[in-house]
Amino acid sequence: MKKGIHPENYRLVVFKDMSNDEMFISKSTAETKDVIEYEGETFPLIKMEISSTSHPFYTGKTKLVDTAGRVDKFMNKYKKFAK
């Protein structure tokens, strides 16, 4: 590995899957202003739309996760072209 190109400021962060509210702790350098109380301690919080606990590849279940309403926006936009 090259010297001096990797970050040095790793810290413990809680990652939260917003589709199923699962949380886990890992080290990260990602910036966030959100914090959360987890297992009696306060950690920075990174919110994710999907993780291995909700992704169909890992769970084996087919499930549409549409937290931002993108499917509805698409359907409304192209409704006029339907036959």
Protein backbone atom coordinates (compact mmCIF):
# COMPACT_ATOMS: atom_id res chain seq x y z
CA MET A 1 0.00 0.00 0.00
CA LYS A 2 1.09 3.54 -0.66
CA LYS A 3 2.06 5.60 2.36
CA GLY A 4 0.17 8.78 3.24
CA ILE A 5 -2.97 8.29 1.09
CA HIS A 6 -5.18 6.48 3.59
CA PRO A 7 -7.23 8.35 6.23
CA GLU A 8 -6.13 8.22 9.84
CA ASN A 9 -9.35 9.48 11.50
CA TYR A 10 -11.36 6.24 11.77
CA ARG A 11 -13.94 6.19 14.56
CA LEU A 12 -16.78 3.92 15.66
CA VAL A 13 -20.04 4.75 13.86
CA VAL A 14 -23.54 3.23 13.98
CA PHE A 15 -24.99 2.37 10.56
CA LYS A 16 -28.80 2.21 10.49
CA ASP A 17 -30.77 0.53 7.70
CA MET A 18 -33.82 2.78 7.31
CA SER A 19 -35.92 0.10 5.58
CA ASN A 20 -35.93 -2.30 8.56
CA ASP A 21 -34.33 -0.32 11.45
CA GLU A 22 -31.41 -2.78 11.84
CA MET A 23 -28.25 -1.19 13.27
CA PHE A 24 -24.60 -2.22 13.49
CA ILE A 25 -21.33 -0.64 14.58
CA SER A 26 -18.28 -0.32 12.36
CA LYS A 27 -15.35 2.02 11.90
CA SER A 28 -15.73 4.82 9.36
CA THR A 29 -14.40 8.21 8.31
CA ALA A 30 -17.77 9.36 6.88
CA GLU A 31 -18.96 12.75 8.14
CA THR A 32 -22.35 13.06 9.82
CA LYS A 33 -24.16 15.43 12.15
CA ASP A 34 -26.60 12.80 13.44
CA VAL A 35 -25.95 10.92 16.70
CA ILE A 36 -27.68 7.97 18.34
CA GLU A 37 -27.70 6.21 21.69
CA TYR A 38 -26.73 2.57 21.05
CA GLU A 39 -25.92 -0.02 23.73
CA GLY A 40 -25.61 2.67 26.38
CA GLU A 41 -23.16 4.89 24.46
CA THR A 42 -23.53 7.79 22.03
CA PHE A 43 -22.19 7.28 18.50
CA PRO A 44 -22.32 9.18 15.19
CA LEU A 45 -25.15 7.84 12.98
CA ILE A 46 -24.99 7.02 9.26
CA LYS A 47 -28.42 6.33 7.69
CA MET A 48 -28.60 3.85 4.79
CA GLU A 49 -31.50 2.97 2.50
CA ILE A 50 -30.43 -0.67 2.16
CA SER A 51 -27.90 -3.03 3.75
CA SER A 52 -27.17 -6.74 3.82
CA THR A 53 -30.06 -7.21 6.29
CA SER A 54 -32.62 -5.93 3.76
CA HIS A 55 -31.06 -6.51 0.31
CA PRO A 56 -32.85 -9.26 -1.68
CA PHE A 57 -29.54 -10.88 -2.68
CA TYR A 58 -28.65 -11.54 0.97
CA THR A 59 -32.13 -12.21 2.33
CA GLY A 60 -33.41 -14.38 -0.53
CA LYS A 61 -36.70 -12.45 -0.50
CA THR A 62 -37.94 -10.26 -3.31
CA LYS A 63 -38.95 -6.94 -1.83
CA LEU A 64 -39.31 -3.52 -3.43
CA VAL A 65 -37.73 -0.83 -1.28
CA ASP A 66 -38.90 2.60 -2.42
CA THR A 67 -38.22 5.07 0.36
CA ALA A 68 -37.98 8.11 -1.89
CA GLY A 69 -41.14 7.49 -3.95
CA ARG A 70 -39.16 7.09 -7.18
CA VAL A 71 -41.48 4.42 -8.60
CA ASP A 72 -44.55 6.63 -8.06
CA LYS A 73 -42.81 9.60 -9.70
CA PHE A 74 -41.90 7.46 -12.71
CA MET A 75 -45.43 6.05 -13.07
CA ASN A 76 -47.03 9.51 -12.86
CA LYS A 77 -44.58 10.97 -15.36
CA TYR A 78 -45.17 8.30 -18.00
CA LYS A 79 -48.87 7.63 -17.35
CA LYS A 80 -49.84 9.69 -20.41
CA PHE A 81 -47.99 7.26 -22.71
CA ALA A 82 -49.91 4.20 -21.49
CA LYS A 83 -52.20 2.60 -24.06
